All heavy atoms as atom14 arrays in JSON, in Angstrom:
{
  "sequence": "TPKNIFDVKLAARLLGMGTNYSLSELVQNLCGVHLS",
  "atom14_mask": [
    [1, 1, 1, 1, 1, 1, 1, 0, 0, 0, 0, 0, 0, 0],
    [1, 1, 1, 1, 1, 1, 1, 0, 0, 0, 0, 0, 0, 0],
    [1, 1, 1, 1, 1, 1, 1, 1, 1, 0, 0, 0, 0, 0],
    [1, 1, 1, 1, 1, 1, 1, 1, 0, 0, 0, 0, 0, 0],
    [1, 1, 1, 1, 1, 1, 1, 1, 0, 0, 0, 0, 0, 0],
    [1, 1, 1, 1, 1, 1, 1, 1, 1, 1, 1, 0, 0, 0],
    [1, 1, 1, 1, 1, 1, 1, 1, 0, 0, 0, 0, 0, 0],
    [1, 1, 1, 1, 1, 1, 1, 0, 0, 0, 0, 0, 0, 0],
    [1, 1, 1, 1, 1, 1, 1, 1, 1, 0, 0, 0, 0, 0],
    [1, 1, 1, 1, 1, 1, 1, 1, 0, 0, 0, 0, 0, 0],
    [1, 1, 1, 1, 1, 0, 0, 0, 0, 0, 0, 0, 0, 0],
    [1, 1, 1, 1, 1, 0, 0, 0, 0, 0, 0, 0, 0, 0],
    [1, 1, 1, 1, 1, 1, 1, 1, 1, 1, 1, 0, 0, 0],
    [1, 1, 1, 1, 1, 1, 1, 1, 0, 0, 0, 0, 0, 0],
    [1, 1, 1, 1, 1, 1, 1, 1, 0, 0, 0, 0, 0, 0],
    [1, 1, 1, 1, 0, 0, 0, 0, 0, 0, 0, 0, 0, 0],
    [1, 1, 1, 1, 1, 1, 1, 1, 0, 0, 0, 0, 0, 0],
    [1, 1, 1, 1, 0, 0, 0, 0, 0, 0, 0, 0, 0, 0],
    [1, 1, 1, 1, 1, 1, 1, 0, 0, 0, 0, 0, 0, 0],
    [1, 1, 1, 1, 1, 1, 1, 1, 0, 0, 0, 0, 0, 0],
    [1, 1, 1, 1, 1, 1, 1, 1, 1, 1, 1, 1, 0, 0],
    [1, 1, 1, 1, 1, 1, 0, 0, 0, 0, 0, 0, 0, 0],
    [1, 1, 1, 1, 1, 1, 1, 1, 0, 0, 0, 0, 0, 0],
    [1, 1, 1, 1, 1, 1, 0, 0, 0, 0, 0, 0, 0, 0],
    [1, 1, 1, 1, 1, 1, 1, 1, 1, 0, 0, 0, 0, 0],
    [1, 1, 1, 1, 1, 1, 1, 1, 0, 0, 0, 0, 0, 0],
    [1, 1, 1, 1, 1, 1, 1, 0, 0, 0, 0, 0, 0, 0],
    [1, 1, 1, 1, 1, 1, 1, 1, 1, 0, 0, 0, 0, 0],
    [1, 1, 1, 1, 1, 1, 1, 1, 0, 0, 0, 0, 0, 0],
    [1, 1, 1, 1, 1, 1, 1, 1, 0, 0, 0, 0, 0, 0],
    [1, 1, 1, 1, 1, 1, 0, 0, 0, 0, 0, 0, 0, 0],
    [1, 1, 1, 1, 0, 0, 0, 0, 0, 0, 0, 0, 0, 0],
    [1, 1, 1, 1, 1, 1, 1, 0, 0, 0, 0, 0, 0, 0],
    [1, 1, 1, 1, 1, 1, 1, 1, 1, 1, 0, 0, 0, 0],
    [1, 1, 1, 1, 1, 1, 1, 1, 0, 0, 0, 0, 0, 0],
    [1, 1, 1, 1, 1, 1, 0, 0, 0, 0, 0, 0, 0, 0]
  ],
  "atom14_positions": [
    [[30.59, 124.73, 70.46], [31.78, 125.1, 71.18], [32.84, 124.1, 70.67], [32.75, 122.91, 71.14], [31.72, 125.14, 72.73], [30.73, 126.11, 73.16], [33.04, 125.37, 73.24], [0.0, 0.0, 0.0], [0.0, 0.0, 0.0], [0.0, 0.0, 0.0], [0.0, 0.0, 0.0], [0.0, 0.0, 0.0], [0.0, 0.0, 0.0], [0.0, 0.0, 0.0]],
    [[33.52, 124.39, 69.67], [34.41, 123.34, 69.02], [35.39, 122.7, 70.08], [35.85, 123.37, 70.99], [35.27, 124.15, 67.93], [34.33, 125.36, 67.62], [33.68, 125.68, 68.84], [0.0, 0.0, 0.0], [0.0, 0.0, 0.0], [0.0, 0.0, 0.0], [0.0, 0.0, 0.0], [0.0, 0.0, 0.0], [0.0, 0.0, 0.0], [0.0, 0.0, 0.0]],
    [[35.71, 121.41, 69.94], [36.67, 120.66, 70.69], [37.68, 119.97, 69.91], [37.42, 119.68, 68.71], [35.84, 119.7, 71.59], [34.87, 120.29, 72.5], [35.5, 120.95, 73.74], [34.43, 121.23, 74.77], [33.41, 122.18, 74.36], [0.0, 0.0, 0.0], [0.0, 0.0, 0.0], [0.0, 0.0, 0.0], [0.0, 0.0, 0.0], [0.0, 0.0, 0.0]],
    [[38.84, 119.79, 70.52], [39.91, 119.01, 69.82], [40.3, 119.6, 68.52], [40.29, 119.06, 67.46], [39.43, 117.52, 69.62], [40.71, 116.57, 69.41], [41.81, 117.04, 69.27], [40.4, 115.23, 69.24], [0.0, 0.0, 0.0], [0.0, 0.0, 0.0], [0.0, 0.0, 0.0], [0.0, 0.0, 0.0], [0.0, 0.0, 0.0], [0.0, 0.0, 0.0]],
    [[40.94, 120.79, 68.7], [41.4, 121.63, 67.62], [42.87, 121.44, 67.37], [43.71, 121.36, 68.39], [41.1, 123.05, 67.76], [39.53, 123.23, 68.01], [41.54, 123.91, 66.53], [38.76, 122.75, 66.86], [0.0, 0.0, 0.0], [0.0, 0.0, 0.0], [0.0, 0.0, 0.0], [0.0, 0.0, 0.0], [0.0, 0.0, 0.0], [0.0, 0.0, 0.0]],
    [[43.32, 121.29, 66.25], [44.8, 121.31, 65.9], [45.06, 122.42, 64.91], [44.62, 122.39, 63.68], [45.14, 120.08, 65.33], [46.72, 119.95, 65.15], [47.49, 119.31, 66.31], [47.49, 120.45, 64.1], [48.86, 119.18, 66.25], [48.83, 120.32, 64.05], [49.43, 119.72, 65.13], [0.0, 0.0, 0.0], [0.0, 0.0, 0.0], [0.0, 0.0, 0.0]],
    [[45.65, 123.56, 65.35], [45.97, 124.69, 64.5], [47.48, 124.51, 63.98], [48.35, 124.55, 64.7], [45.86, 125.96, 65.35], [46.04, 127.27, 64.43], [46.71, 127.16, 63.39], [45.7, 128.29, 64.96], [0.0, 0.0, 0.0], [0.0, 0.0, 0.0], [0.0, 0.0, 0.0], [0.0, 0.0, 0.0], [0.0, 0.0, 0.0], [0.0, 0.0, 0.0]],
    [[47.53, 124.28, 62.67], [48.91, 124.03, 62.15], [49.84, 125.2, 62.09], [51.07, 125.08, 62.36], [48.84, 123.4, 60.71], [48.0, 122.05, 60.64], [48.18, 124.43, 59.77], [0.0, 0.0, 0.0], [0.0, 0.0, 0.0], [0.0, 0.0, 0.0], [0.0, 0.0, 0.0], [0.0, 0.0, 0.0], [0.0, 0.0, 0.0], [0.0, 0.0, 0.0]],
    [[49.19, 126.39, 62.15], [50.04, 127.54, 62.13], [50.65, 127.77, 63.54], [51.86, 127.95, 63.73], [49.26, 128.8, 61.86], [50.02, 130.12, 62.0], [49.31, 131.27, 61.53], [50.17, 132.62, 61.54], [49.4, 133.85, 61.23], [0.0, 0.0, 0.0], [0.0, 0.0, 0.0], [0.0, 0.0, 0.0], [0.0, 0.0, 0.0], [0.0, 0.0, 0.0]],
    [[49.85, 127.49, 64.62], [50.32, 127.58, 65.91], [51.27, 126.55, 66.22], [52.3, 126.8, 66.88], [49.06, 127.48, 66.89], [49.27, 127.58, 68.36], [50.11, 128.76, 68.77], [48.06, 127.38, 69.12], [0.0, 0.0, 0.0], [0.0, 0.0, 0.0], [0.0, 0.0, 0.0], [0.0, 0.0, 0.0], [0.0, 0.0, 0.0], [0.0, 0.0, 0.0]],
    [[50.99, 125.34, 65.73], [52.0, 124.25, 65.98], [53.35, 124.57, 65.26], [54.39, 124.32, 65.78], [51.44, 122.92, 65.44], [0.0, 0.0, 0.0], [0.0, 0.0, 0.0], [0.0, 0.0, 0.0], [0.0, 0.0, 0.0], [0.0, 0.0, 0.0], [0.0, 0.0, 0.0], [0.0, 0.0, 0.0], [0.0, 0.0, 0.0], [0.0, 0.0, 0.0]],
    [[53.39, 125.1, 64.05], [54.56, 125.45, 63.43], [55.32, 126.59, 64.06], [56.46, 126.54, 64.18], [54.17, 125.85, 61.91], [0.0, 0.0, 0.0], [0.0, 0.0, 0.0], [0.0, 0.0, 0.0], [0.0, 0.0, 0.0], [0.0, 0.0, 0.0], [0.0, 0.0, 0.0], [0.0, 0.0, 0.0], [0.0, 0.0, 0.0], [0.0, 0.0, 0.0]],
    [[54.59, 127.49, 64.66], [55.31, 128.46, 65.51], [55.88, 127.89, 66.68], [57.06, 128.35, 67.18], [54.3, 129.61, 65.94], [53.68, 130.5, 64.79], [52.77, 131.43, 65.29], [53.35, 132.5, 66.12], [52.85, 133.23, 67.01], [51.54, 133.15, 67.26], [53.52, 134.17, 67.62], [0.0, 0.0, 0.0], [0.0, 0.0, 0.0], [0.0, 0.0, 0.0]],
    [[55.2, 126.95, 67.41], [55.79, 126.34, 68.54], [57.04, 125.58, 68.18], [57.99, 125.45, 69.23], [54.71, 125.46, 69.21], [53.62, 126.14, 70.16], [52.54, 125.1, 70.47], [54.29, 126.75, 71.35], [0.0, 0.0, 0.0], [0.0, 0.0, 0.0], [0.0, 0.0, 0.0], [0.0, 0.0, 0.0], [0.0, 0.0, 0.0], [0.0, 0.0, 0.0]],
    [[57.13, 125.11, 66.93], [58.25, 124.28, 66.68], [59.3, 125.15, 65.86], [60.38, 124.54, 65.41], [57.79, 123.1, 65.75], [56.79, 122.14, 66.41], [56.23, 121.14, 65.4], [57.41, 121.43, 67.61], [0.0, 0.0, 0.0], [0.0, 0.0, 0.0], [0.0, 0.0, 0.0], [0.0, 0.0, 0.0], [0.0, 0.0, 0.0], [0.0, 0.0, 0.0]],
    [[59.19, 126.36, 65.74], [60.08, 127.26, 65.02], [60.21, 126.87, 63.53], [61.3, 127.02, 63.08], [0.0, 0.0, 0.0], [0.0, 0.0, 0.0], [0.0, 0.0, 0.0], [0.0, 0.0, 0.0], [0.0, 0.0, 0.0], [0.0, 0.0, 0.0], [0.0, 0.0, 0.0], [0.0, 0.0, 0.0], [0.0, 0.0, 0.0], [0.0, 0.0, 0.0]],
    [[59.18, 126.45, 62.96], [59.28, 126.04, 61.49], [58.76, 127.09, 60.59], [57.55, 127.5, 60.78], [58.51, 124.76, 61.29], [59.05, 123.54, 62.22], [58.16, 122.05, 62.0], [58.51, 121.6, 60.31], [0.0, 0.0, 0.0], [0.0, 0.0, 0.0], [0.0, 0.0, 0.0], [0.0, 0.0, 0.0], [0.0, 0.0, 0.0], [0.0, 0.0, 0.0]],
    [[59.59, 127.56, 59.63], [59.14, 128.59, 58.77], [59.46, 130.0, 59.23], [60.25, 130.21, 60.14], [0.0, 0.0, 0.0], [0.0, 0.0, 0.0], [0.0, 0.0, 0.0], [0.0, 0.0, 0.0], [0.0, 0.0, 0.0], [0.0, 0.0, 0.0], [0.0, 0.0, 0.0], [0.0, 0.0, 0.0], [0.0, 0.0, 0.0], [0.0, 0.0, 0.0]],
    [[58.98, 130.98, 58.43], [59.28, 132.41, 58.75], [57.95, 133.23, 59.01], [57.85, 133.75, 60.03], [60.05, 133.06, 57.58], [59.33, 132.84, 56.42], [61.37, 132.34, 57.59], [0.0, 0.0, 0.0], [0.0, 0.0, 0.0], [0.0, 0.0, 0.0], [0.0, 0.0, 0.0], [0.0, 0.0, 0.0], [0.0, 0.0, 0.0], [0.0, 0.0, 0.0]],
    [[57.08, 133.12, 58.07], [55.78, 133.8, 58.35], [54.6, 132.83, 58.68], [53.47, 133.28, 58.88], [55.38, 134.7, 57.17], [55.14, 133.96, 55.78], [54.83, 132.86, 55.86], [55.31, 134.69, 54.74], [0.0, 0.0, 0.0], [0.0, 0.0, 0.0], [0.0, 0.0, 0.0], [0.0, 0.0, 0.0], [0.0, 0.0, 0.0], [0.0, 0.0, 0.0]],
    [[54.73, 131.52, 58.5], [53.87, 130.5, 58.83], [52.54, 130.62, 58.04], [51.55, 130.18, 58.57], [53.58, 130.62, 60.33], [54.88, 130.54, 61.11], [55.4, 131.67, 61.75], [55.42, 129.29, 61.34], [56.63, 131.57, 62.43], [56.7, 129.21, 62.01], [57.21, 130.28, 62.65], [58.34, 130.26, 63.46], [0.0, 0.0, 0.0], [0.0, 0.0, 0.0]],
    [[52.53, 131.28, 56.91], [51.28, 131.29, 56.16], [50.99, 129.87, 55.62], [51.93, 128.99, 55.56], [51.51, 132.15, 54.86], [52.47, 131.7, 53.97], [0.0, 0.0, 0.0], [0.0, 0.0, 0.0], [0.0, 0.0, 0.0], [0.0, 0.0, 0.0], [0.0, 0.0, 0.0], [0.0, 0.0, 0.0], [0.0, 0.0, 0.0], [0.0, 0.0, 0.0]],
    [[49.83, 129.59, 55.12], [49.42, 128.29, 54.77], [50.24, 127.94, 53.48], [50.82, 126.77, 53.36], [47.98, 128.17, 54.35], [47.38, 126.91, 53.88], [47.76, 125.71, 54.86], [45.93, 126.86, 53.54], [0.0, 0.0, 0.0], [0.0, 0.0, 0.0], [0.0, 0.0, 0.0], [0.0, 0.0, 0.0], [0.0, 0.0, 0.0], [0.0, 0.0, 0.0]],
    [[50.43, 128.85, 52.57], [51.11, 128.63, 51.32], [52.55, 128.32, 51.6], [53.16, 127.41, 51.0], [51.04, 129.82, 50.48], [51.52, 130.94, 50.98], [0.0, 0.0, 0.0], [0.0, 0.0, 0.0], [0.0, 0.0, 0.0], [0.0, 0.0, 0.0], [0.0, 0.0, 0.0], [0.0, 0.0, 0.0], [0.0, 0.0, 0.0], [0.0, 0.0, 0.0]],
    [[53.18, 128.98, 52.65], [54.63, 128.61, 52.97], [54.68, 127.22, 53.62], [55.61, 126.51, 53.35], [55.18, 129.57, 54.0], [56.61, 129.36, 54.36], [57.08, 130.25, 55.33], [56.74, 130.16, 56.55], [57.9, 131.13, 54.98], [0.0, 0.0, 0.0], [0.0, 0.0, 0.0], [0.0, 0.0, 0.0], [0.0, 0.0, 0.0], [0.0, 0.0, 0.0]],
    [[53.73, 126.9, 54.51], [53.72, 125.5, 55.02], [53.56, 124.48, 54.1], [54.26, 123.46, 54.1], [52.67, 125.39, 56.18], [53.0, 126.3, 57.42], [51.83, 126.16, 58.47], [54.23, 125.89, 58.14], [0.0, 0.0, 0.0], [0.0, 0.0, 0.0], [0.0, 0.0, 0.0], [0.0, 0.0, 0.0], [0.0, 0.0, 0.0], [0.0, 0.0, 0.0]],
    [[52.58, 124.7, 53.2], [52.33, 123.63, 52.08], [53.64, 123.54, 51.29], [54.01, 122.42, 50.82], [51.16, 124.11, 51.24], [51.06, 123.22, 50.07], [49.92, 123.98, 52.06], [0.0, 0.0, 0.0], [0.0, 0.0, 0.0], [0.0, 0.0, 0.0], [0.0, 0.0, 0.0], [0.0, 0.0, 0.0], [0.0, 0.0, 0.0], [0.0, 0.0, 0.0]],
    [[54.29, 124.59, 50.91], [55.54, 124.58, 50.11], [56.58, 123.85, 50.82], [57.2, 122.98, 50.29], [55.84, 126.09, 49.78], [57.15, 126.14, 48.91], [57.0, 125.71, 47.53], [56.11, 126.11, 46.83], [57.82, 124.78, 46.96], [0.0, 0.0, 0.0], [0.0, 0.0, 0.0], [0.0, 0.0, 0.0], [0.0, 0.0, 0.0], [0.0, 0.0, 0.0]],
    [[56.86, 124.26, 52.17], [57.92, 123.62, 52.83], [57.68, 122.21, 53.22], [58.75, 121.41, 53.3], [58.28, 124.57, 54.02], [58.75, 125.95, 53.73], [59.19, 126.13, 52.54], [58.84, 126.85, 54.66], [0.0, 0.0, 0.0], [0.0, 0.0, 0.0], [0.0, 0.0, 0.0], [0.0, 0.0, 0.0], [0.0, 0.0, 0.0], [0.0, 0.0, 0.0]],
    [[56.53, 121.94, 53.61], [56.27, 120.61, 54.17], [55.69, 119.57, 53.22], [55.71, 118.38, 53.43], [55.44, 120.73, 55.39], [55.87, 121.68, 56.55], [54.9, 121.59, 57.8], [57.27, 121.3, 56.98], [0.0, 0.0, 0.0], [0.0, 0.0, 0.0], [0.0, 0.0, 0.0], [0.0, 0.0, 0.0], [0.0, 0.0, 0.0], [0.0, 0.0, 0.0]],
    [[55.16, 119.99, 52.17], [54.46, 119.15, 51.19], [55.01, 119.25, 49.84], [54.76, 118.49, 48.94], [53.07, 119.4, 51.11], [52.1, 119.33, 52.71], [0.0, 0.0, 0.0], [0.0, 0.0, 0.0], [0.0, 0.0, 0.0], [0.0, 0.0, 0.0], [0.0, 0.0, 0.0], [0.0, 0.0, 0.0], [0.0, 0.0, 0.0], [0.0, 0.0, 0.0]],
    [[55.95, 120.38, 49.51], [56.42, 120.59, 48.3], [55.69, 120.91, 47.1], [55.84, 120.74, 45.99], [0.0, 0.0, 0.0], [0.0, 0.0, 0.0], [0.0, 0.0, 0.0], [0.0, 0.0, 0.0], [0.0, 0.0, 0.0], [0.0, 0.0, 0.0], [0.0, 0.0, 0.0], [0.0, 0.0, 0.0], [0.0, 0.0, 0.0], [0.0, 0.0, 0.0]],
    [[54.51, 121.65, 47.55], [53.49, 122.06, 46.48], [53.33, 123.56, 46.67], [53.28, 124.16, 47.77], [52.2, 121.41, 46.92], [51.05, 121.84, 45.94], [52.3, 119.88, 46.82], [0.0, 0.0, 0.0], [0.0, 0.0, 0.0], [0.0, 0.0, 0.0], [0.0, 0.0, 0.0], [0.0, 0.0, 0.0], [0.0, 0.0, 0.0], [0.0, 0.0, 0.0]],
    [[53.23, 124.24, 45.5], [53.04, 125.66, 45.36], [51.5, 125.9, 45.51], [50.77, 125.3, 44.71], [53.63, 126.24, 44.2], [53.16, 127.76, 44.01], [53.73, 128.77, 44.83], [52.37, 128.35, 43.12], [53.16, 129.88, 44.43], [52.45, 129.55, 43.44], [0.0, 0.0, 0.0], [0.0, 0.0, 0.0], [0.0, 0.0, 0.0], [0.0, 0.0, 0.0]],
    [[51.04, 126.67, 46.43], [49.61, 127.0, 46.6], [49.36, 128.49, 46.27], [49.86, 129.42, 46.98], [49.31, 126.77, 47.98], [47.87, 126.5, 48.47], [47.32, 125.13, 47.9], [47.7, 126.4, 49.94], [0.0, 0.0, 0.0], [0.0, 0.0, 0.0], [0.0, 0.0, 0.0], [0.0, 0.0, 0.0], [0.0, 0.0, 0.0], [0.0, 0.0, 0.0]],
    [[48.7, 128.7, 45.2], [48.37, 130.0, 44.79], [47.33, 130.53, 45.59], [46.35, 129.97, 46.03], [47.85, 129.97, 43.31], [47.36, 131.19, 42.91], [0.0, 0.0, 0.0], [0.0, 0.0, 0.0], [0.0, 0.0, 0.0], [0.0, 0.0, 0.0], [0.0, 0.0, 0.0], [0.0, 0.0, 0.0], [0.0, 0.0, 0.0], [0.0, 0.0, 0.0]]
  ]
}
């Protein structure tokens, strides 16, 4: 039963960051890296 989880997609949604909150979009917007 996993404990102490941090879901970056959920966090980004709570903060209103991005549009579709895909991992590739978050990496592009927050890390400046294109993720194929």
